Amino acid sequence: MAEHEILADLGRAVAARRREVGMDQARLAERIGKSASYLSRIEAGLVIPSLETTGDIADALQTDRALWQRLALGAQVVKLAGSHLDLEGLRTALRYLSDDGSPLESAFRR
């Protein structure tokens, strides 16, 4: 599994939640103080947002800030460590980062 797949997971999660709450990229970008093109790159899995930006995204999308920051931190670890990580294991672990052990995908709502 390539590093870009971990980044794509984060981007897909942001895009899915944004659509779920009925927000377009321009509106979310405005709410987090970033450009729509930057947000588009996050959603495409091309860039890892900072923990601060990830927290702002979570707040704007009315989701758990700490959970999303853990996902972004995981992506940052993958980027830094590259091939020295068991990426499949990390990807599996990222799915179970909620405090109650439930899958990450089901924990995006407050």
Foldseek 3Di string as FASTA:
>chain_A
DFLLVLQLVLLCLLVVLCVVVPHDLCVLCVQLVHHSVVNVCSNNSNDQDALSSQLSSLVVSQADSVLSSVSSVLSVVCVVCPPVDPVVVSSVVNLQPDPVRHGSSVRGHD
